[in-house]
Structure formats: structure tokens, C-alpha cells
Amino acid sequence: MPQDFSTRIIAEVPHLRRFARGLCGDASLADDLVQDCLERSLKKQHLYDIHRPLRAWLYAILRNIHVSQWRRASQFGVMTDVSDLGEQQPSVAPLQEQNLSIMLITQALDKLPQQQREVLVMISLEEMSYKEAAEIIGVPIGTIMSRLSRARATLHQLLEERGTIHLRVVK
């Protein structure tokens, strides 16, 4: 089982990275989160129920690690390495409209409350069902639907305030 299990986990890495990026909003933090998830899943593989989808189990691990880190950071503040405090390079504004749109959407996602952002990423980006998301987070489906509705409305409002992006309504 270990070889087969490892192979199945490796196949899920792109999905985990995308989900982590949606939760963190930062590529390097997302990569660290995925690495922590993979490490924990390999250590705890004996707890995996083969009747449950592997991706859902991995998402639950990743989400739990993220929530723990988020709580720790809000309690103790963000720790910064001294080498990160040096002179910062000014950012270059993107020239392509597509990059600007992605940046604006990412900024708007970062402004969403954590619970709304994770549901929006699970449902919209990862294309999970309400049931799958509810199982991973551990809340009723109605709560998922409510959080998703509020997240979409808030995201739409944030982007409309910028006046640059018009989202189409998908039902």
C-alpha cells in the first residue's frame, strides 16, 4: 500500500497547490502549506479510510493545517525573518490586462473572510460539490450555501467598486 498510496498522493499535488493558493493568496506560503499537508498525510496514512475520496481527506488535512497556522498567526502575530526586512524592491505594474484582472481578483479574494474564501475556492475553483465541501469543513450543506452566497456577493461588490471587472452571474 505505501507505494500505491504515495503515487496517489503525488497525483493530487496540483489540486492541493491550487487549493492552498486560494486559501493563502501567496505562492510560497501555499507551497509550504502543501508540503506540510503531504508530510502529515504520509505520517498519518494509517488513518486514511479507503472508502473516502483521497482528495477530500487531503483537503481536510490541508485546511486544518491552514486554520491552525491562521489561528497561531492571529494570536502571536506574523513572524518575520530579519533577512526579509531589508530594502524592498518596488513592484512593477502589469502591462497586460489579464495580469491586472488576476491581481484584482486575488486582492479581492484576500479581503474575504477566511470561511467565505475557503468555501468559494472549494466550490468555484476546485469544483467540489456542496456535500464534499461540507464534509471537509464539517458544517451542514446549508452553511456552505450561505457562505458561498455571501462570498460571491462580497467579491462582486469589491470588484464592482473598482469599476474594472464585471463578473457574469452563473447559476
Protein backbone atom coordinates (compact mmCIF):
# COMPACT_ATOMS: atom_id res chain seq x y z
CA MET A 1 0.00 0.00 0.00
CA PRO A 2 2.73 2.63 0.72
CA GLN A 3 3.93 2.78 -2.92
CA ASP A 4 0.38 2.96 -4.27
CA PHE A 5 -0.60 5.47 -1.59
CA SER A 6 2.38 7.71 -2.37
CA THR A 7 1.61 7.57 -6.08
CA ARG A 8 -2.00 8.55 -5.46
CA ILE A 9 -0.91 11.45 -3.25
CA ILE A 10 1.53 12.71 -5.89
CA ALA A 11 -1.33 12.82 -8.40
CA GLU A 12 -3.23 15.16 -6.04
CA VAL A 13 -0.40 17.70 -5.62
CA PRO A 14 -1.59 20.10 -8.37
CA HIS A 15 -5.06 20.20 -6.81
CA LEU A 16 -3.60 20.74 -3.35
CA ARG A 17 -1.39 23.58 -4.63
CA ARG A 18 -4.32 25.33 -6.27
CA PHE A 19 -6.49 24.95 -3.15
CA ALA A 20 -3.66 26.16 -0.90
CA ARG A 21 -3.01 29.15 -3.15
CA GLY A 22 -6.67 30.05 -2.93
CA LEU A 23 -6.56 29.88 0.85
CA CYS A 24 -3.23 31.67 1.36
CA GLY A 25 -3.10 34.09 -1.53
CA ASP A 26 0.69 33.68 -1.65
CA ALA A 27 2.53 31.09 -3.72
CA SER A 28 5.38 30.47 -1.29
CA LEU A 29 3.05 30.12 1.70
CA ALA A 30 0.85 27.81 -0.35
CA ASP A 31 3.84 25.62 -1.24
CA ASP A 32 4.80 25.41 2.43
CA LEU A 33 1.22 24.51 3.30
CA VAL A 34 1.14 21.75 0.68
CA GLN A 35 4.46 20.39 1.92
CA ASP A 36 3.12 20.28 5.49
CA CYS A 37 -0.02 18.54 4.23
CA LEU A 38 1.96 15.93 2.30
CA GLU A 39 4.23 15.27 5.25
CA ARG A 40 1.31 14.85 7.63
CA SER A 41 -0.63 12.64 5.21
CA LEU A 42 2.33 10.30 4.78
CA LYS A 43 2.84 10.10 8.54
CA LYS A 44 -0.86 9.51 9.16
CA GLN A 45 -1.63 7.27 6.18
CA HIS A 46 -2.72 4.54 8.56
CA LEU A 47 -5.70 6.77 9.49
CA TYR A 48 -6.90 7.07 5.89
CA ASP A 49 -10.24 5.38 5.21
CA ILE A 50 -10.03 3.76 1.78
CA HIS A 51 -13.79 4.24 1.32
CA ARG A 52 -13.37 8.02 1.43
CA PRO A 53 -12.03 10.00 -1.56
CA LEU A 54 -8.31 10.69 -1.12
CA ARG A 55 -8.62 14.28 -2.35
CA ALA A 56 -11.25 15.09 0.28
CA TRP A 57 -9.05 13.60 3.01
CA LEU A 58 -6.03 15.61 1.81
CA TYR A 59 -8.10 18.81 1.54
CA ALA A 60 -9.29 18.32 5.11
CA ILE A 61 -5.69 17.92 6.30
CA LEU A 62 -4.54 20.96 4.32
CA ARG A 63 -7.45 23.07 5.60
CA ASN A 64 -6.86 22.02 9.20
CA ILE A 65 -3.17 22.94 8.97
CA HIS A 66 -4.09 26.28 7.40
CA VAL A 67 -6.64 27.07 10.11
CA SER A 68 -4.13 26.15 12.82
CA GLN A 69 -1.49 28.40 11.28
CA TRP A 70 -4.00 31.21 10.81
CA ARG A 71 -5.08 30.99 14.46
CA ARG A 72 -1.47 30.91 15.63
CA ALA A 73 -0.60 33.94 13.50
CA SER A 74 -3.61 35.89 14.76
CA GLN A 75 -2.69 35.04 18.35
CA PHE A 76 1.04 35.75 18.16
CA GLY A 77 1.32 37.93 15.08
CA VAL A 78 3.24 37.21 11.92
CA MET A 79 6.86 36.26 12.46
CA THR A 80 9.31 37.82 10.02
CA ASP A 81 12.86 36.76 9.35
CA VAL A 82 15.43 39.54 9.75
CA SER A 83 16.66 38.98 6.20
CA ASP A 84 13.16 39.82 4.95
CA LEU A 85 13.32 43.29 6.50
CA GLY A 86 15.86 44.63 4.00
CA GLU A 87 15.15 47.15 1.28
CA GLN A 88 12.14 46.09 -0.73
CA GLN A 89 12.09 46.30 -4.47
CA PRO A 90 9.31 48.44 -5.91
CA SER A 91 6.79 46.36 -7.78
CA VAL A 92 6.27 46.81 -11.48
CA ALA A 93 2.72 47.38 -12.60
CA PRO A 94 1.49 44.72 -15.01
CA LEU A 95 1.15 45.77 -18.61
CA GLN A 96 -1.31 43.09 -19.65
CA GLU A 97 -4.95 43.49 -18.77
CA GLN A 98 -5.19 39.80 -17.92
CA ASN A 99 -2.49 40.09 -15.25
CA LEU A 100 -4.23 43.13 -13.83
CA SER A 101 -7.54 41.26 -13.67
CA ILE A 102 -5.94 38.33 -11.92
CA MET A 103 -4.27 40.66 -9.45
CA LEU A 104 -7.53 42.46 -8.71
CA ILE A 105 -9.40 39.20 -8.20
CA THR A 106 -6.63 37.90 -5.95
CA GLN A 107 -6.72 41.09 -3.88
CA ALA A 108 -10.49 40.86 -3.60
CA LEU A 109 -10.24 37.19 -2.55
CA ASP A 110 -7.72 38.17 0.12
CA LYS A 111 -10.27 40.62 1.56
CA LEU A 112 -12.91 37.93 2.00
CA PRO A 113 -13.30 36.40 5.47
CA GLN A 114 -11.44 33.10 5.80
CA GLN A 115 -14.59 30.97 5.99
CA GLN A 116 -16.07 32.52 2.86
CA ARG A 117 -12.81 32.35 0.91
CA GLU A 118 -12.26 28.65 1.57
CA VAL A 119 -15.81 27.76 0.52
CA LEU A 120 -15.54 29.90 -2.62
CA VAL A 121 -12.25 28.21 -3.55
CA MET A 122 -13.60 24.72 -2.90
CA ILE A 123 -16.81 25.19 -4.87
CA SER A 124 -15.76 27.56 -7.66
CA LEU A 125 -12.13 26.71 -8.25
CA GLU A 126 -11.90 23.09 -7.17
CA GLU A 127 -15.39 22.29 -8.49
CA MET A 128 -16.39 20.38 -5.38
CA SER A 129 -19.99 19.63 -4.60
CA TYR A 130 -21.65 21.30 -1.65
CA LYS A 131 -21.69 17.92 0.08
CA GLU A 132 -17.94 17.38 -0.37
CA ALA A 133 -17.15 20.86 0.93
CA ALA A 134 -19.49 20.38 3.89
CA GLU A 135 -17.78 17.10 4.79
CA ILE A 136 -14.30 18.62 4.60
CA ILE A 137 -15.17 21.67 6.68
CA GLY A 138 -17.53 19.80 9.00
CA VAL A 139 -20.60 22.01 8.65
CA PRO A 140 -24.10 21.49 7.21
CA ILE A 141 -24.68 21.97 3.47
CA GLY A 142 -26.88 24.98 4.21
CA THR A 143 -23.93 26.70 5.87
CA ILE A 144 -21.82 26.04 2.79
CA MET A 145 -24.51 27.53 0.58
CA SER A 146 -24.83 30.58 2.82
CA ARG A 147 -21.08 31.20 2.97
CA LEU A 148 -20.78 30.75 -0.78
CA SER A 149 -23.60 33.20 -1.43
CA ARG A 150 -22.08 35.81 0.90
CA ALA A 151 -18.62 35.25 -0.62
CA ARG A 152 -19.89 35.73 -4.17
CA ALA A 153 -21.85 38.85 -3.20
CA THR A 154 -18.87 40.36 -1.36
CA LEU A 155 -16.48 39.50 -4.19
CA HIS A 156 -18.85 41.01 -6.73
CA GLN A 157 -19.18 44.17 -4.62
CA LEU A 158 -15.41 44.51 -4.16
CA LEU A 159 -14.77 44.14 -7.87
CA GLU A 160 -17.60 46.47 -8.85
CA GLU A 161 -16.22 49.16 -6.50
CA ARG A 162 -13.03 49.04 -8.54
CA GLY A 163 -15.10 49.53 -11.67
CA THR A 164 -12.72 47.39 -13.67
CA ILE A 165 -14.25 43.93 -13.73
CA HIS A 166 -17.77 42.85 -14.43
CA LEU A 167 -18.49 39.30 -13.34
CA ARG A 168 -21.21 37.35 -15.02
CA VAL A 169 -23.79 35.60 -12.87
CA VAL A 170 -23.55 31.80 -13.00
CA LYS A 171 -26.40 29.76 -11.61
